PDB file of N, CA and C in Angstrom:
ATOM      1  N   UNK A   1      22.163  38.140 -18.856  1.00  0.00           N
ATOM      2  CA  UNK A   1      20.776  38.389 -19.636  1.00  0.00           C
ATOM      3  C   UNK A   1      19.840  37.537 -19.238  1.00  0.00           C
ATOM      4  N   UNK A   2      18.688  37.732 -19.384  1.00  0.00           N
ATOM      5  CA  UNK A   2      17.539  36.645 -19.119  1.00  0.00           C
ATOM      6  C   UNK A   2      16.553  36.686 -20.222  1.00  0.00           C
ATOM      7  N   UNK A   3      16.471  35.680 -20.797  1.00  0.00           N
ATOM      8  CA  UNK A   3      15.099  35.795 -21.781  1.00  0.00           C
ATOM      9  C   UNK A   3      13.890  35.968 -21.480  1.00  0.00           C
ATOM     10  N   UNK A   4      13.501  37.083 -22.608  1.00  0.00           N
ATOM     11  CA  UNK A   4      12.148  37.471 -22.423  1.00  0.00           C
ATOM     12  C   UNK A   4      11.413  37.130 -23.739  1.00  0.00           C
ATOM     13  N   UNK A   5       9.808  37.277 -23.618  1.00  0.00           N
ATOM     14  CA  UNK A   5       8.999  37.239 -24.554  1.00  0.00           C
ATOM     15  C   UNK A   5       9.226  38.129 -25.042  1.00  0.00           C
ATOM     16  N   UNK A   6       7.767  38.515 -26.029  1.00  0.00           N
ATOM     17  CA  UNK A   6       8.008  39.873 -27.147  1.00  0.00           C
ATOM     18  C   UNK A   6       7.383  40.941 -26.268  1.00  0.00           C
ATOM     19  N   UNK A   7       6.735  40.719 -24.946  1.00  0.00           N
ATOM     20  CA  UNK A   7       6.334  41.612 -24.173  1.00  0.00           C
ATOM     21  C   UNK A   7       7.189  41.940 -23.441  1.00  0.00           C
ATOM     22  N   UNK A   8       8.580  41.469 -22.938  1.00  0.00           N
ATOM     23  CA  UNK A   8       9.513  41.967 -22.275  1.00  0.00           C
ATOM     24  C   UNK A   8       9.257  41.199 -20.833  1.00  0.00           C
ATOM     25  N   UNK A   9       8.554  40.075 -21.003  1.00  0.00           N
ATOM     26  CA  UNK A   9       8.160  39.086 -19.909  1.00  0.00           C
ATOM     27  C   UNK A   9       9.176  38.226 -19.652  1.00  0.00           C
ATOM     28  N   UNK A  10       9.205  37.710 -18.369  1.00  0.00           N
ATOM     29  CA  UNK A  10      10.154  36.515 -18.307  1.00  0.00           C
ATOM     30  C   UNK A  10       9.071  35.165 -18.713  1.00  0.00           C
ATOM     31  N   UNK A  11       9.626  34.160 -19.255  1.00  0.00           N
ATOM     32  CA  UNK A  11       8.746  32.956 -19.374  1.00  0.00           C
ATOM     33  C   UNK A  11       8.021  32.261 -18.231  1.00  0.00           C
ATOM     34  N   UNK A  12       7.300  31.627 -18.238  1.00  0.00           N
ATOM     35  CA  UNK A  12       6.652  30.972 -17.568  1.00  0.00           C
ATOM     36  C   UNK A  12       7.659  29.940 -16.996  1.00  0.00           C
ATOM     37  N   UNK A  13       8.071  29.774 -15.999  1.00  0.00           N
ATOM     38  CA  UNK A  13       9.099  28.291 -16.113  1.00  0.00           C
ATOM     39  C   UNK A  13       8.568  27.498 -14.982  1.00  0.00           C
ATOM     40  N   UNK A  14       7.401  27.593 -14.500  1.00  0.00           N
ATOM     41  CA  UNK A  14       6.529  26.797 -13.356  1.00  0.00           C
ATOM     42  C   UNK A  14       6.381  25.159 -13.834  1.00  0.00           C
ATOM     43  N   UNK A  15       6.184  25.383 -15.089  1.00  0.00           N
ATOM     44  CA  UNK A  15       5.783  23.970 -15.479  1.00  0.00           C
ATOM     45  C   UNK A  15       6.814  23.556 -16.625  1.00  0.00           C
ATOM     46  N   UNK A  16       7.188  22.338 -16.737  1.00  0.00           N
ATOM     47  CA  UNK A  16       8.319  22.032 -18.130  1.00  0.00           C
ATOM     48  C   UNK A  16       7.058  21.522 -18.857  1.00  0.00           C
ATOM     49  N   UNK A  17       7.737  21.290 -20.265  1.00  0.00           N
ATOM     50  CA  UNK A  17       6.830  20.702 -21.126  1.00  0.00           C
ATOM     51  C   UNK A  17       6.311  19.320 -20.901  1.00  0.00           C
ATOM     52  N   UNK A  18       5.248  19.421 -21.189  1.00  0.00           N
ATOM     53  CA  UNK A  18       4.494  18.305 -20.966  1.00  0.00           C
ATOM     54  C   UNK A  18       4.391  16.969 -22.321  1.00  0.00           C
ATOM     55  N   UNK A  19       5.734  17.108 -22.730  1.00  0.00           N
ATOM     56  CA  UNK A  19       5.872  16.325 -23.603  1.00  0.00           C
ATOM     57  C   UNK A  19       6.236  14.978 -23.302  1.00  0.00           C
ATOM     58  N   UNK A  20       6.422  13.938 -24.072  1.00  0.00           N
ATOM     59  CA  UNK A  20       6.582  12.409 -23.685  1.00  0.00           C
ATOM     60  C   UNK A  20       8.125  12.048 -23.112  1.00  0.00           C
ATOM     61  N   UNK A  21       9.048  13.431 -22.922  1.00  0.00           N
ATOM     62  CA  UNK A  21      10.105  13.095 -22.512  1.00  0.00           C
ATOM     63  C   UNK A  21      10.548  12.547 -21.366  1.00  0.00           C
ATOM     64  N   UNK A  22      11.396  11.652 -21.023  1.00  0.00           N
ATOM     65  CA  UNK A  22      11.499  10.968 -19.891  1.00  0.00           C
ATOM     66  C   UNK A  22      13.128  10.612 -19.731  1.00  0.00           C
ATOM     67  N   UNK A  23      13.529  11.223 -18.262  1.00  0.00           N
ATOM     68  CA  UNK A  23      14.899  11.148 -17.884  1.00  0.00           C
ATOM     69  C   UNK A  23      14.956   9.975 -17.063  1.00  0.00           C
ATOM     70  N   UNK A  24      16.399   9.526 -16.976  1.00  0.00           N
ATOM     71  CA  UNK A  24      16.956   8.735 -15.910  1.00  0.00           C
ATOM     72  C   UNK A  24      17.897   9.289 -15.112  1.00  0.00           C
ATOM     73  N   UNK A  25      18.018   9.095 -13.737  1.00  0.00           N
ATOM     74  CA  UNK A  25      18.515   9.804 -13.000  1.00  0.00           C
ATOM     75  C   UNK A  25      19.817   8.840 -12.563  1.00  0.00           C
ATOM     76  N   UNK A  26      21.336   9.099 -12.790  1.00  0.00           N
ATOM     77  CA  UNK A  26      22.321   8.152 -12.414  1.00  0.00           C
ATOM     78  C   UNK A  26      23.023   8.887 -11.313  1.00  0.00           C
ATOM     79  N   UNK A  27      22.745   8.714  -9.769  1.00  0.00           N
ATOM     80  CA  UNK A  27      22.941   8.853  -8.702  1.00  0.00           C
ATOM     81  C   UNK A  27      22.014   9.387  -7.916  1.00  0.00           C
ATOM     82  N   UNK A  28      21.896   9.180  -6.327  1.00  0.00           N
ATOM     83  CA  UNK A  28      20.943   9.500  -5.675  1.00  0.00           C
ATOM     84  C   UNK A  28      21.656  10.239  -4.578  1.00  0.00           C
ATOM     85  N   UNK A  29      22.597  11.217  -4.363  1.00  0.00           N
ATOM     86  CA  UNK A  29      23.036  11.678  -3.464  1.00  0.00           C
ATOM     87  C   UNK A  29      22.696  13.026  -3.165  1.00  0.00           C
ATOM     88  N   UNK A  30      23.174  13.884  -2.485  1.00  0.00           N
ATOM     89  CA  UNK A  30      22.713  15.344  -2.016  1.00  0.00           C
ATOM     90  C   UNK A  30      22.051  16.053  -3.528  1.00  0.00           C
ATOM     91  N   UNK A  31      22.903  16.013  -4.683  1.00  0.00           N
ATOM     92  CA  UNK A  31      22.400  16.819  -5.744  1.00  0.00           C
ATOM     93  C   UNK A  31      21.311  16.305  -6.205  1.00  0.00           C
ATOM     94  N   UNK A  32      20.891  14.999  -6.199  1.00  0.00           N
ATOM     95  CA  UNK A  32      19.714  14.302  -7.131  1.00  0.00           C
ATOM     96  C   UNK A  32      18.368  14.416  -5.550  1.00  0.00           C
ATOM     97  N   UNK A  33      19.158  14.652  -4.709  1.00  0.00           N
ATOM     98  CA  UNK A  33      17.525  14.672  -3.792  1.00  0.00           C
ATOM     99  C   UNK A  33      17.094  15.811  -3.837  1.00  0.00           C
ATOM    100  N   UNK A  34      18.165  16.878  -4.391  1.00  0.00           N
ATOM    101  CA  UNK A  34      17.309  17.996  -4.409  1.00  0.00           C
ATOM    102  C   UNK A  34      16.561  18.213  -5.878  1.00  0.00           C
ATOM    103  N   UNK A  35      17.208  18.174  -6.972  1.00  0.00           N
ATOM    104  CA  UNK A  35      17.159  18.427  -7.913  1.00  0.00           C
ATOM    105  C   UNK A  35      15.564  17.108  -8.252  1.00  0.00           C
ATOM    106  N   UNK A  36      15.788  16.080  -8.327  1.00  0.00           N
ATOM    107  CA  UNK A  36      14.656  15.210  -8.801  1.00  0.00           C
ATOM    108  C   UNK A  36      13.170  15.447  -8.150  1.00  0.00           C
ATOM    109  N   UNK A  37      13.272  15.618  -6.678  1.00  0.00           N
ATOM    110  CA  UNK A  37      11.845  16.209  -6.600  1.00  0.00           C
ATOM    111  C   UNK A  37      11.312  17.445  -7.019  1.00  0.00           C
ATOM    112  N   UNK A  38      12.213  18.535  -7.359  1.00  0.00           N
ATOM    113  CA  UNK A  38      11.933  19.927  -8.162  1.00  0.00           C
ATOM    114  C   UNK A  38      11.466  19.606  -9.641  1.00  0.00           C
ATOM    115  N   UNK A  39      12.106  18.802 -10.327  1.00  0.00           N
ATOM    116  CA  UNK A  39      11.963  18.232 -11.831  1.00  0.00           C
ATOM    117  C   UNK A  39      10.632  17.733 -11.716  1.00  0.00           C
ATOM    118  N   UNK A  40      10.560  16.683 -10.951  1.00  0.00           N
ATOM    119  CA  UNK A  40       9.170  15.598 -10.792  1.00  0.00           C
ATOM    120  C   UNK A  40       7.935  16.668 -10.879  1.00  0.00           C
ATOM    121  N   UNK A  41       8.263  17.589  -9.945  1.00  0.00           N
ATOM    122  CA  UNK A  41       7.069  18.688  -9.401  1.00  0.00           C
ATOM    123  C   UNK A  41       6.890  19.439 -10.557  1.00  0.00           C
ATOM    124  N   UNK A  42       7.999  19.855 -11.211  1.00  0.00           N
ATOM    125  CA  UNK A  42       7.740  20.668 -12.674  1.00  0.00           C
ATOM    126  C   UNK A  42       7.116  19.833 -13.772  1.00  0.00           C
ATOM    127  N   UNK A  43       6.826  18.619 -13.377  1.00  0.00           N
ATOM    128  CA  UNK A  43       6.088  17.863 -14.925  1.00  0.00           C
ATOM    129  C   UNK A  43       7.146  16.778 -15.605  1.00  0.00           C
ATOM    130  N   UNK A  44       8.669  16.827 -14.980  1.00  0.00           N
ATOM    131  CA  UNK A  44       9.271  15.868 -15.888  1.00  0.00           C
ATOM    132  C   UNK A  44       9.063  14.574 -15.805  1.00  0.00           C
ATOM    133  N   UNK A  45       8.857  13.391 -16.775  1.00  0.00           N
ATOM    134  CA  UNK A  45       8.750  12.127 -16.263  1.00  0.00           C
ATOM    135  C   UNK A  45      10.087  11.478 -15.820  1.00  0.00           C
ATOM    136  N   UNK A  46      10.032  11.170 -14.650  1.00  0.00           N
ATOM    137  CA  UNK A  46      11.413  10.592 -14.325  1.00  0.00           C
ATOM    138  C   UNK A  46      11.101   9.089 -13.867  1.00  0.00           C
ATOM    139  N   UNK A  47      11.705   8.354 -15.326  1.00  0.00           N
ATOM    140  CA  UNK A  47      11.476   7.133 -15.058  1.00  0.00           C
ATOM    141  C   UNK A  47      12.208   6.052 -14.352  1.00  0.00           C
ATOM    142  N   UNK A  48      13.479   6.438 -13.984  1.00  0.00           N
ATOM    143  CA  UNK A  48      14.265   5.707 -13.292  1.00  0.00           C
ATOM    144  C   UNK A  48      15.196   6.178 -12.547  1.00  0.00           C
ATOM    145  N   UNK A  49      15.862   5.574 -11.432  1.00  0.00           N
ATOM    146  CA  UNK A  49      16.975   6.289 -10.731  1.00  0.00           C
ATOM    147  C   UNK A  49      18.087   5.063 -10.349  1.00  0.00           C
ATOM    148  N   UNK A  50      19.045   5.348 -10.343  1.00  0.00           N
ATOM    149  CA  UNK A  50      20.083   4.295 -10.087  1.00  0.00           C
ATOM    150  C   UNK A  50      21.382   4.935  -8.947  1.00  0.00           C
ATOM    151  N   UNK A  51      21.382   4.132  -8.354  1.00  0.00           N
ATOM    152  CA  UNK A  51      22.986   4.523  -7.183  1.00  0.00           C
ATOM    153  C   UNK A  51      23.444   3.319  -7.009  1.00  0.00           C
ATOM    154  N   UNK A  52      24.828   3.488  -6.527  1.00  0.00           N
ATOM    155  CA  UNK A  52      25.500   2.430  -6.335  1.00  0.00           C
ATOM    156  C   UNK A  52      24.780   1.691  -4.779  1.00  0.00           C
ATOM    157  N   UNK A  53      24.138   2.627  -4.042  1.00  0.00           N
ATOM    158  CA  UNK A  53      23.484   2.345  -2.804  1.00  0.00           C
ATOM    159  C   UNK A  53      21.857   2.134  -3.490  1.00  0.00           C
ATOM    160  N   UNK A  54      21.828   0.911  -3.141  1.00  0.00           N
ATOM    161  CA  UNK A  54      20.439   0.506  -3.359  1.00  0.00           C
ATOM    162  C   UNK A  54      19.049   1.225  -2.893  1.00  0.00           C
ATOM    163  N   UNK A  55      19.539   1.312  -1.433  1.00  0.00           N
ATOM    164  CA  UNK A  55      18.381   2.131  -0.400  1.00  0.00           C
ATOM    165  C   UNK A  55      18.386   3.688  -0.956  1.00  0.00           C
ATOM    166  N   UNK A  56      19.448   4.319  -1.089  1.00  0.00           N
ATOM    167  CA  UNK A  56      19.498   5.522  -1.638  1.00  0.00           C
ATOM    168  C   UNK A  56      18.358   5.495  -2.902  1.00  0.00           C
ATOM    169  N   UNK A  57      18.489   4.497  -4.121  1.00  0.00           N
ATOM    170  CA  UNK A  57      18.004   4.457  -5.176  1.00  0.00           C
ATOM    171  C   UNK A  57      16.520   4.500  -4.888  1.00  0.00           C
ATOM    172  N   UNK A  58      16.341   3.316  -4.048  1.00  0.00           N
ATOM    173  CA  UNK A  58      14.952   3.314  -3.629  1.00  0.00           C
ATOM    174  C   UNK A  58      13.813   4.084  -3.316  1.00  0.00           C
ATOM    175  N   UNK A  59      14.648   4.873  -2.153  1.00  0.00           N
ATOM    176  CA  UNK A  59      14.060   5.989  -1.229  1.00  0.00           C
ATOM    177  C   UNK A  59      13.579   7.310  -2.491  1.00  0.00           C
ATOM    178  N   UNK A  60      14.829   7.442  -3.265  1.00  0.00           N
ATOM    179  CA  UNK A  60      14.764   8.593  -3.980  1.00  0.00           C
ATOM    180  C   UNK A  60      13.411   8.252  -5.679  1.00  0.00           C
ATOM    181  N   UNK A  61      13.703   6.981  -5.972  1.00  0.00           N
ATOM    182  CA  UNK A  61      12.753   6.891  -6.977  1.00  0.00           C
ATOM    183  C   UNK A  61      11.058   6.667  -6.485  1.00  0.00           C
ATOM    184  N   UNK A  62      11.269   5.777  -5.426  1.00  0.00           N
ATOM    185  CA  UNK A  62      10.022   5.746  -4.448  1.00  0.00           C
ATOM    186  C   UNK A  62       9.226   7.338  -4.691  1.00  0.00           C
ATOM    187  N   UNK A  63       9.832   8.257  -4.078  1.00  0.00           N
ATOM    188  CA  UNK A  63       9.405   9.734  -3.930  1.00  0.00           C
ATOM    189  C   UNK A  63       8.594  10.414  -5.152  1.00  0.00           C
ATOM    190  N   UNK A  64       9.119   9.874  -6.610  1.00  0.00           N
ATOM    191  CA  UNK A  64       8.719  10.414  -7.744  1.00  0.00           C
ATOM    192  C   UNK A  64       8.179   9.581  -8.264  1.00  0.00           C
ATOM    193  N   UNK A  65       7.733   8.105  -8.042  1.00  0.00           N
ATOM    194  CA  UNK A  65       7.390   7.130  -8.709  1.00  0.00           C
ATOM    195  C   UNK A  65       8.105   6.677  -9.749  1.00  0.00           C
ATOM    196  N   UNK A  66       9.165   6.606  -9.815  1.00  0.00           N
ATOM    197  CA  UNK A  66      10.122   6.083 -10.628  1.00  0.00           C
ATOM    198  C   UNK A  66      10.616   4.481  -9.898  1.00  0.00           C
ATOM    199  N   UNK A  67      11.184   3.797 -11.093  1.00  0.00           N
ATOM    200  CA  UNK A  67      11.387   2.570 -10.701  1.00  0.00           C
ATOM    201  C   UNK A  67      13.224   3.068 -10.263  1.00  0.00           C
ATOM    202  N   UNK A  68      13.668   1.898  -9.385  1.00  0.00           N
ATOM    203  CA  UNK A  68      14.759   1.863  -8.946  1.00  0.00           C
ATOM    204  C   UNK A  68      15.622   0.776  -9.757  1.00  0.00           C
ATOM    205  N   UNK A  69      16.734   1.236 -10.079  1.00  0.00           N
ATOM    206  CA  UNK A  69      17.619   0.293 -11.299  1.00  0.00           C
ATOM    207  C   UNK A  69      18.867  -0.330 -10.253  1.00  0.00           C
ATOM    208  N   UNK A  70      18.813  -1.728  -9.996  1.00  0.00           N
ATOM    209  CA  UNK A  70      19.320  -2.180  -9.264  1.00  0.00           C
ATOM    210  C   UNK A  70      20.909  -2.348  -9.485  1.00  0.00           C
ATOM    211  N   UNK A  71      21.280  -2.010 -10.498  1.00  0.00           N
ATOM    212  CA  UNK A  71      22.782  -1.968 -11.029  1.00  0.00           C
ATOM    213  C   UNK A  71      22.898  -1.273 -12.137  1.00  0.00           C
ATOM    214  N   UNK A  72      24.095  -0.533 -12.624  1.00  0.00           N
ATOM    215  CA  UNK A  72      24.020   0.165 -13.773  1.00  0.00           C
ATOM    216  C   UNK A  72      23.897  -0.618 -15.168  1.00  0.00           C
ATOM    217  N   UNK A  73      24.056  -1.832 -15.182  1.00  0.00           N
ATOM    218  CA  UNK A  73      23.870  -2.798 -16.249  1.00  0.00           C
ATOM    219  C   UNK A  73      22.018  -2.867 -16.428  1.00  0.00           C
ATOM    220  N   UNK A  74      21.381  -2.544 -15.359  1.00  0.00           N
ATOM    221  CA  UNK A  74      19.826  -2.472 -15.429  1.00  0.00           C
ATOM    222  C   UNK A  74      19.387  -1.103 -15.930  1.00  0.00           C
ATOM    223  N   UNK A  75      19.946  -0.264 -16.108  1.00  0.00           N
ATOM    224  CA  UNK A  75      19.272   0.983 -16.753  1.00  0.00           C
ATOM    225  C   UNK A  75      18.784   0.656 -17.953  1.00  0.00           C
ATOM    226  N   UNK A  76      17.263   1.611 -17.979  1.00  0.00           N
ATOM    227  CA  UNK A  76      16.801   1.453 -19.700  1.00  0.00           C
ATOM    228  C   UNK A  76      17.360   2.009 -20.580  1.00  0.00           C
ATOM    229  N   UNK A  77      17.682   1.610 -21.563  1.00  0.00           N
ATOM    230  CA  UNK A  77      18.678   2.369 -22.833  1.00  0.00           C
ATOM    231  C   UNK A  77      17.752   2.858 -23.464  1.00  0.00           C
ATOM    232  N   UNK A  78      16.375   3.547 -23.562  1.00  0.00           N
ATOM    233  CA  UNK A  78      15.407   4.505 -24.445  1.00  0.00           C
ATOM    234  C   UNK A  78      15.227   5.659 -23.774  1.00  0.00           C
ATOM    235  N   UNK A  79      15.689   6.115 -22.610  1.00  0.00           N
ATOM    236  CA  UNK A  79      15.393   7.552 -22.300  1.00  0.00           C
ATOM    237  C   UNK A  79      15.685   8.516 -22.762  1.00  0.00           C
ATOM    238  N   UNK A  80      15.044   9.603 -22.978  1.00  0.00           N
ATOM    239  CA  UNK A  80      15.500  10.703 -23.831  1.00  0.00           C
ATOM    240  C   UNK A  80      16.574  11.189 -23.688  1.00  0.00           C
ATOM    241  N   UNK A  81      16.955  11.471 -22.214  1.00  0.00           N
ATOM    242  CA  UNK A  81      18.264  11.718 -21.241  1.00  0.00           C
ATOM    243  C   UNK A  81      18.742  11.280 -20.318  1.00  0.00           C
ATOM    244  N   UNK A  82      19.652  11.244 -19.805  1.00  0.00           N
ATOM    245  CA  UNK A  82      20.275  10.855 -18.597  1.00  0.00           C
ATOM    246  C   UNK A  82      20.871  11.670 -17.847  1.00  0.00           C
ATOM    247  N   UNK A  83      20.435  12.173 -16.621  1.00  0.00           N
ATOM    248  CA  UNK A  83      21.133  13.378 -15.935  1.00  0.00           C
ATOM    249  C   UNK A  83      21.931  12.359 -14.865  1.00  0.00           C
ATOM    250  N   UNK A  84      23.207  12.799 -14.809  1.00  0.00           N
ATOM    251  CA  UNK A  84      24.077  12.427 -14.111  1.00  0.00           C
ATOM    252  C   UNK A  84      24.480  13.226 -12.900  1.00  0.00           C
ATOM    253  N   UNK A  85      24.133  12.815 -11.867  1.00  0.00           N
ATOM    254  CA  UNK A  85      23.956  13.257 -10.422  1.00  0.00           C
ATOM    255  C   UNK A  85      25.448  12.888  -9.738  1.00  0.00           C
ATOM    256  N   UNK A  86      26.344  12.591  -9.862  1.00  0.00           N
ATOM    257  CA  UNK A  86      27.261  11.537  -9.250  1.00  0.00           C
ATOM    258  C   UNK A  86      28.551  13.073  -9.135  1.00  0.00           C
ATOM    259  N   UNK A  87      29.338  12.402  -8.109  1.00  0.00           N
ATOM    260  CA  UNK A  87      30.349  13.347  -7.903  1.00  0.00           C
ATOM    261  C   UNK A  87      31.583  13.503  -8.871  1.00  0.00           C
ATOM    262  N   UNK A  88      32.387  14.794  -8.887  1.00  0.00           N
ATOM    263  CA  UNK A  88      33.040  15.241 -10.268  1.00  0.00           C
ATOM    264  C   UNK A  88      33.842  13.929 -10.679  1.00  0.00           C
ATOM    265  N   UNK A  89      34.727  13.530  -9.469  1.00  0.00           N
ATOM    266  CA  UNK A  89      35.448  12.269  -9.950  1.00  0.00           C
ATOM    267  C   UNK A  89      35.061  10.963 -10.435  1.00  0.00           C
ATOM    268  N   UNK A  90      33.697  11.041 -10.060  1.00  0.00           N
ATOM    269  CA  UNK A  90      33.073   9.976 -11.243  1.00  0.00           C
ATOM    270  C   UNK A  90      32.670   9.975 -12.114  1.00  0.00           C
ATOM    271  N   UNK A  91      32.415  11.431 -12.696  1.00  0.00           N
ATOM    272  CA  UNK A  91      31.694  11.386 -14.131  1.00  0.00           C
ATOM    273  C   UNK A  91      32.342  10.512 -15.297  1.00  0.00           C
ATOM    274  N   UNK A  92      33.466  10.679 -15.536  1.00  0.00           N
ATOM    275  CA  UNK A  92      34.324   9.805 -16.495  1.00  0.00           C
ATOM    276  C   UNK A  92      33.832   8.677 -16.401  1.00  0.00           C
ATOM    277  N   UNK A  93      34.293   7.772 -15.590  1.00  0.00           N
ATOM    278  CA  UNK A  93      34.010   6.405 -15.321  1.00  0.00           C
ATOM    279  C   UNK A  93      32.592   6.152 -15.583  1.00  0.00           C
ATOM    280  N   UNK A  94      31.447   6.939 -14.748  1.00  0.00           N
ATOM    281  CA  UNK A  94      30.311   6.478 -15.096  1.00  0.00           C
ATOM    282  C   UNK A  94      29.510   6.788 -16.878  1.00  0.00           C
ATOM    283  N   UNK A  95      30.080   7.940 -17.333  1.00  0.00           N
ATOM    284  CA  UNK A  95      30.022   8.418 -18.688  1.00  0.00           C
ATOM    285  C   UNK A  95      30.319   7.236 -19.375  1.00  0.00           C
ATOM    286  N   UNK A  96      31.833   6.705 -19.383  1.00  0.00           N
ATOM    287  CA  UNK A  96      32.158   5.695 -20.251  1.00  0.00           C
ATOM    288  C   UNK A  96      31.330   4.389 -19.645  1.00  0.00           C
ATOM    289  N   UNK A  97      30.777   3.710 -18.602  1.00  0.00           N
ATOM    290  CA  UNK A  97      29.976   2.872 -18.163  1.00  0.00           C
ATOM    291  C   UNK A  97      28.632   2.947 -19.344  1.00  0.00           C
ATOM    292  N   UNK A  98      28.106   3.987 -19.190  1.00  0.00           N
ATOM    293  CA  UNK A  98      26.852   4.285 -19.753  1.00  0.00           C
ATOM    294  C   UNK A  98      27.032   4.224 -21.683  1.00  0.00           C
ATOM    295  N   UNK A  99      28.239   4.499 -21.736  1.00  0.00           N
ATOM    296  CA  UNK A  99      28.501   4.550 -23.425  1.00  0.00           C
ATOM    297  C   UNK A  99      28.490   3.224 -23.855  1.00  0.00           C
ATOM    298  N   UNK A 100      29.298   2.384 -22.907  1.00  0.00           N
ATOM    299  CA  UNK A 100      29.394   1.001 -23.201  1.00  0.00           C
ATOM    300  C   UNK A 100      27.910   0.324 -23.254  1.00  0.00           C
ATOM    301  N   UNK A 101      27.379   0.837 -22.557  1.00  0.00           N
ATOM    302  CA  UNK A 101      25.520   0.106 -22.726  1.00  0.00           C
ATOM    303  C   UNK A 101      25.057   0.657 -23.990  1.00  0.00           C
ATOM    304  N   UNK A 102      25.930   1.410 -24.759  1.00  0.00           N
ATOM    305  CA  UNK A 102      25.099   2.405 -25.628  1.00  0.00           C
ATOM    306  C   UNK A 102      24.184   3.296 -25.907  1.00  0.00           C
ATOM    307  N   UNK A 103      24.145   4.100 -24.386  1.00  0.00           N
ATOM    308  CA  UNK A 103      23.454   5.202 -23.750  1.00  0.00           C
ATOM    309  C   UNK A 103      24.398   6.651 -24.139  1.00  0.00           C
ATOM    310  N   UNK A 104      23.273   7.406 -24.838  1.00  0.00           N
ATOM    311  CA  UNK A 104      23.826   8.882 -25.068  1.00  0.00           C
ATOM    312  C   UNK A 104      22.936   9.971 -24.390  1.00  0.00           C
ATOM    313  N   UNK A 105      22.988  10.973 -24.588  1.00  0.00           N
ATOM    314  CA  UNK A 105      22.412  12.126 -24.027  1.00  0.00           C
ATOM    315  C   UNK A 105      22.445  12.191 -22.861  1.00  0.00           C
ATOM    316  N   UNK A 106      23.552  12.246 -22.174  1.00  0.00           N
ATOM    317  CA  UNK A 106      23.900  12.546 -20.795  1.00  0.00           C
ATOM    318  C   UNK A 106      24.075  13.744 -20.620  1.00  0.00           C
ATOM    319  N   UNK A 107      23.803  14.461 -19.397  1.00  0.00           N
ATOM    320  CA  UNK A 107      23.820  16.014 -18.877  1.00  0.00           C
ATOM    321  C   UNK A 107      24.059  15.717 -17.538  1.00  0.00           C
TER     322      UNK A 107
END
């Protein structure tokens, strides 16, 4: 079922809200390489990208004008949300590390 407005039309999702929301991307592999440019183009403010591979983080961050975090301990802790784009078997460990840093709001 698709959400519609009062006229029965689908909502315009061509642009995200222009609020001051910021996102940190944790992971810079295949999923992030597809999602991050699209989210950025839709208006999301991506402030930082982290990957255990610094070259991947720098490449993806540079593509959207974000900072590349050199280590998980260097992540900003005041973003509105954190998008985890890591392999399934890494989600628990990464979530635990982020929680240790006091970070919440992970997707």
